[in-house]
Amino acid sequence: MSSVQSTDSSGSSAARTEARPLRAAVVIAGKPGSYAMFEVRTLRADGATLAGALLPELDETLTLRIGDDDVPLDVVVRVVALDRGAAPGVEVRFVGVSAADRQRLEARARQQG
């Protein structure tokens, strides 16, 4: 999260916290880094809805790096639904997530929600 300084009509200033958009990037085995291609629309303990113009195939399994630069989390997902409409997106389910990583995902989902 980032902190933003704002000033109200009386001239008083106050800090408020704004949530940064959560990003998801495809991680390709054997290659350094990741390819950021999705914005996370919704995040749940069992999966996520992602927005992006380049969509994977239905039933495809891939590794996503979810999160900001501070604390990214690599998770394996399976694509369960596609939306190729005006706002393209994909619905994914987490596969084989450890208990610790699931807790991190649940905490991040609560922050987003």
C-alpha atoms as a PDB file:
ATOM      1  CA  MET A   1       0.000   0.000   0.000  1.00  0.00           C
ATOM      2  CA  SER A   2       1.122   3.553  -0.569  1.00  0.00           C
ATOM      3  CA  SER A   3       0.527   6.573   1.581  1.00  0.00           C
ATOM      4  CA  VAL A   4      -0.951   9.706   0.015  1.00  0.00           C
ATOM      5  CA  GLN A   5      -0.994  13.169   1.588  1.00  0.00           C
ATOM      6  CA  SER A   6      -4.226  15.066   0.988  1.00  0.00           C
ATOM      7  CA  THR A   7      -5.500  18.488   1.978  1.00  0.00           C
ATOM      8  CA  ASP A   8      -9.156  19.170   2.762  1.00  0.00           C
ATOM      9  CA  SER A   9     -11.030  22.438   2.088  1.00  0.00           C
ATOM     10  CA  SER A  10      -9.964  23.887   5.468  1.00  0.00           C
ATOM     11  CA  GLY A  11      -6.289  23.481   4.586  1.00  0.00           C
ATOM     12  CA  SER A  12      -5.760  20.570   6.994  1.00  0.00           C
ATOM     13  CA  SER A  13      -3.680  17.756   5.659  1.00  0.00           C
ATOM     14  CA  ALA A  14      -4.016  14.100   6.500  1.00  0.00           C
ATOM     15  CA  ALA A  15      -2.325  10.963   5.299  1.00  0.00           C
ATOM     16  CA  ARG A  16      -4.503   8.254   3.852  1.00  0.00           C
ATOM     17  CA  THR A  17      -3.573   4.855   2.541  1.00  0.00           C
ATOM     18  CA  GLU A  18      -4.435   3.839  -1.015  1.00  0.00           C
ATOM     19  CA  ALA A  19      -4.262   0.269  -2.244  1.00  0.00           C
ATOM     20  CA  ARG A  20      -2.011  -0.225  -5.235  1.00  0.00           C
ATOM     21  CA  PRO A  21      -3.424  -2.423  -7.982  1.00  0.00           C
ATOM     22  CA  LEU A  22      -2.335  -5.998  -7.415  1.00  0.00           C
ATOM     23  CA  ARG A  23      -0.474  -7.460 -10.395  1.00  0.00           C
ATOM     24  CA  ALA A  24       0.048 -11.027 -11.563  1.00  0.00           C
ATOM     25  CA  ALA A  25       2.907 -12.068 -13.827  1.00  0.00           C
ATOM     26  CA  VAL A  26       3.568 -15.300 -15.676  1.00  0.00           C
ATOM     27  CA  VAL A  27       6.727 -17.078 -14.506  1.00  0.00           C
ATOM     28  CA  ILE A  28       8.414 -19.196 -17.172  1.00  0.00           C
ATOM     29  CA  ALA A  29      10.528 -22.082 -15.854  1.00  0.00           C
ATOM     30  CA  GLY A  30      14.225 -21.713 -16.601  1.00  0.00           C
ATOM     31  CA  LYS A  31      13.970 -18.021 -17.492  1.00  0.00           C
ATOM     32  CA  PRO A  32      14.878 -15.154 -15.177  1.00  0.00           C
ATOM     33  CA  GLY A  33      12.199 -12.702 -14.116  1.00  0.00           C
ATOM     34  CA  SER A  34       8.544 -12.785 -15.044  1.00  0.00           C
ATOM     35  CA  TYR A  35       6.199 -11.328 -17.646  1.00  0.00           C
ATOM     36  CA  ALA A  36       3.650  -8.962 -16.073  1.00  0.00           C
ATOM     37  CA  MET A  37       0.458  -9.332 -18.023  1.00  0.00           C
ATOM     38  CA  PHE A  38      -2.491  -9.270 -15.614  1.00  0.00           C
ATOM     39  CA  GLU A  39      -4.143  -7.023 -13.093  1.00  0.00           C
ATOM     40  CA  VAL A  40      -5.897  -8.908 -10.308  1.00  0.00           C
ATOM     41  CA  ARG A  41      -9.602  -7.972 -10.331  1.00  0.00           C
ATOM     42  CA  THR A  42     -10.502 -10.189  -7.382  1.00  0.00           C
ATOM     43  CA  LEU A  43      -8.443 -12.415  -5.121  1.00  0.00           C
ATOM     44  CA  ARG A  44      -9.888 -15.213  -3.018  1.00  0.00           C
ATOM     45  CA  ALA A  45      -8.358 -17.996  -0.946  1.00  0.00           C
ATOM     46  CA  ASP A  46      -9.089 -20.531  -3.718  1.00  0.00           C
ATOM     47  CA  GLY A  47      -8.356 -18.466  -6.831  1.00  0.00           C
ATOM     48  CA  ALA A  48      -8.469 -15.139  -8.617  1.00  0.00           C
ATOM     49  CA  THR A  49     -10.043 -13.227 -11.470  1.00  0.00           C
ATOM     50  CA  LEU A  50      -7.434 -11.561 -13.672  1.00  0.00           C
ATOM     51  CA  ALA A  51      -7.757  -8.840 -16.316  1.00  0.00           C
ATOM     52  CA  GLY A  52      -5.520  -8.835 -19.360  1.00  0.00           C
ATOM     53  CA  ALA A  53      -5.502  -8.726 -23.131  1.00  0.00           C
ATOM     54  CA  LEU A  54      -3.422 -11.902 -23.652  1.00  0.00           C
ATOM     55  CA  LEU A  55      -5.342 -14.840 -22.252  1.00  0.00           C
ATOM     56  CA  PRO A  56      -4.037 -18.350 -21.598  1.00  0.00           C
ATOM     57  CA  GLU A  57      -6.017 -21.384 -22.756  1.00  0.00           C
ATOM     58  CA  LEU A  58      -8.852 -22.975 -20.787  1.00  0.00           C
ATOM     59  CA  ASP A  59      -7.502 -25.749 -18.490  1.00  0.00           C
ATOM     60  CA  GLU A  60      -3.926 -24.457 -18.937  1.00  0.00           C
ATOM     61  CA  THR A  61      -1.718 -24.717 -15.859  1.00  0.00           C
ATOM     62  CA  LEU A  62       0.867 -22.006 -15.258  1.00  0.00           C
ATOM     63  CA  THR A  63       2.844 -20.330 -12.515  1.00  0.00           C
ATOM     64  CA  LEU A  64       1.847 -16.789 -11.575  1.00  0.00           C
ATOM     65  CA  ARG A  65       3.790 -14.335  -9.458  1.00  0.00           C
ATOM     66  CA  ILE A  66       1.095 -12.461  -7.543  1.00  0.00           C
ATOM     67  CA  GLY A  67       1.793  -9.328  -5.568  1.00  0.00           C
ATOM     68  CA  ASP A  68       3.807  -6.200  -5.568  1.00  0.00           C
ATOM     69  CA  ASP A  69       7.590  -5.906  -5.722  1.00  0.00           C
ATOM     70  CA  ASP A  70       7.844  -6.013  -1.917  1.00  0.00           C
ATOM     71  CA  VAL A  71       6.451  -9.508  -1.274  1.00  0.00           C
ATOM     72  CA  PRO A  72       5.581 -11.468  -4.421  1.00  0.00           C
ATOM     73  CA  LEU A  73       4.118 -14.961  -4.132  1.00  0.00           C
ATOM     74  CA  ASP A  74       4.586 -17.636  -6.814  1.00  0.00           C
ATOM     75  CA  VAL A  75       1.567 -19.942  -7.150  1.00  0.00           C
ATOM     76  CA  VAL A  76       0.540 -22.611  -9.632  1.00  0.00           C
ATOM     77  CA  VAL A  77      -2.906 -21.977 -11.122  1.00  0.00           C
ATOM     78  CA  ARG A  78      -5.285 -23.695 -13.507  1.00  0.00           C
ATOM     79  CA  VAL A  79      -7.436 -21.640 -15.883  1.00  0.00           C
ATOM     80  CA  VAL A  80     -11.111 -22.482 -15.271  1.00  0.00           C
ATOM     81  CA  ALA A  81     -12.931 -19.768 -17.283  1.00  0.00           C
ATOM     82  CA  LEU A  82     -12.202 -17.162 -19.952  1.00  0.00           C
ATOM     83  CA  ASP A  83     -13.938 -13.885 -20.786  1.00  0.00           C
ATOM     84  CA  ARG A  84     -13.005 -12.636 -24.250  1.00  0.00           C
ATOM     85  CA  GLY A  85     -15.532  -9.786 -24.129  1.00  0.00           C
ATOM     86  CA  ALA A  86     -15.003  -6.034 -23.918  1.00  0.00           C
ATOM     87  CA  ALA A  87     -13.004  -6.422 -20.683  1.00  0.00           C
ATOM     88  CA  PRO A  88     -10.983  -9.602 -21.324  1.00  0.00           C
ATOM     89  CA  GLY A  89     -10.133 -11.687 -18.311  1.00  0.00           C
ATOM     90  CA  VAL A  90      -9.503 -15.103 -16.901  1.00  0.00           C
ATOM     91  CA  GLU A  91     -10.662 -17.027 -13.828  1.00  0.00           C
ATOM     92  CA  VAL A  92      -7.996 -19.202 -12.187  1.00  0.00           C
ATOM     93  CA  ARG A  93      -7.946 -21.672  -9.293  1.00  0.00           C
ATOM     94  CA  PHE A  94      -4.890 -22.213  -7.127  1.00  0.00           C
ATOM     95  CA  VAL A  95      -3.345 -25.683  -7.370  1.00  0.00           C
ATOM     96  CA  GLY A  96      -1.262 -27.236  -4.581  1.00  0.00           C
ATOM     97  CA  VAL A  97      -0.803 -24.084  -2.500  1.00  0.00           C
ATOM     98  CA  SER A  98       0.960 -24.604   0.845  1.00  0.00           C
ATOM     99  CA  ALA A  99      -0.853 -23.703   4.063  1.00  0.00           C
ATOM    100  CA  ALA A 100       1.523 -20.768   4.652  1.00  0.00           C
ATOM    101  CA  ASP A 101       1.044 -19.408   1.130  1.00  0.00           C
ATOM    102  CA  ARG A 102      -2.740 -19.844   1.411  1.00  0.00           C
ATOM    103  CA  GLN A 103      -2.668 -17.722   4.583  1.00  0.00           C
ATOM    104  CA  ARG A 104      -0.726 -15.022   2.695  1.00  0.00           C
ATOM    105  CA  LEU A 105      -3.284 -15.142  -0.127  1.00  0.00           C
ATOM    106  CA  GLU A 106      -6.198 -14.918   2.317  1.00  0.00           C
ATOM    107  CA  ALA A 107      -4.570 -11.938   4.089  1.00  0.00           C
ATOM    108  CA  ARG A 108      -4.016 -10.162   0.770  1.00  0.00           C
ATOM    109  CA  ALA A 109      -7.609 -10.907  -0.287  1.00  0.00           C
ATOM    110  CA  ARG A 110      -8.890  -9.293   2.930  1.00  0.00           C
ATOM    111  CA  GLN A 111      -6.750  -6.198   2.214  1.00  0.00           C
ATOM    112  CA  GLN A 112      -8.147  -5.969  -1.287  1.00  0.00           C
ATOM    113  CA  GLY A 113     -11.757  -6.622  -0.296  1.00  0.00           C
END
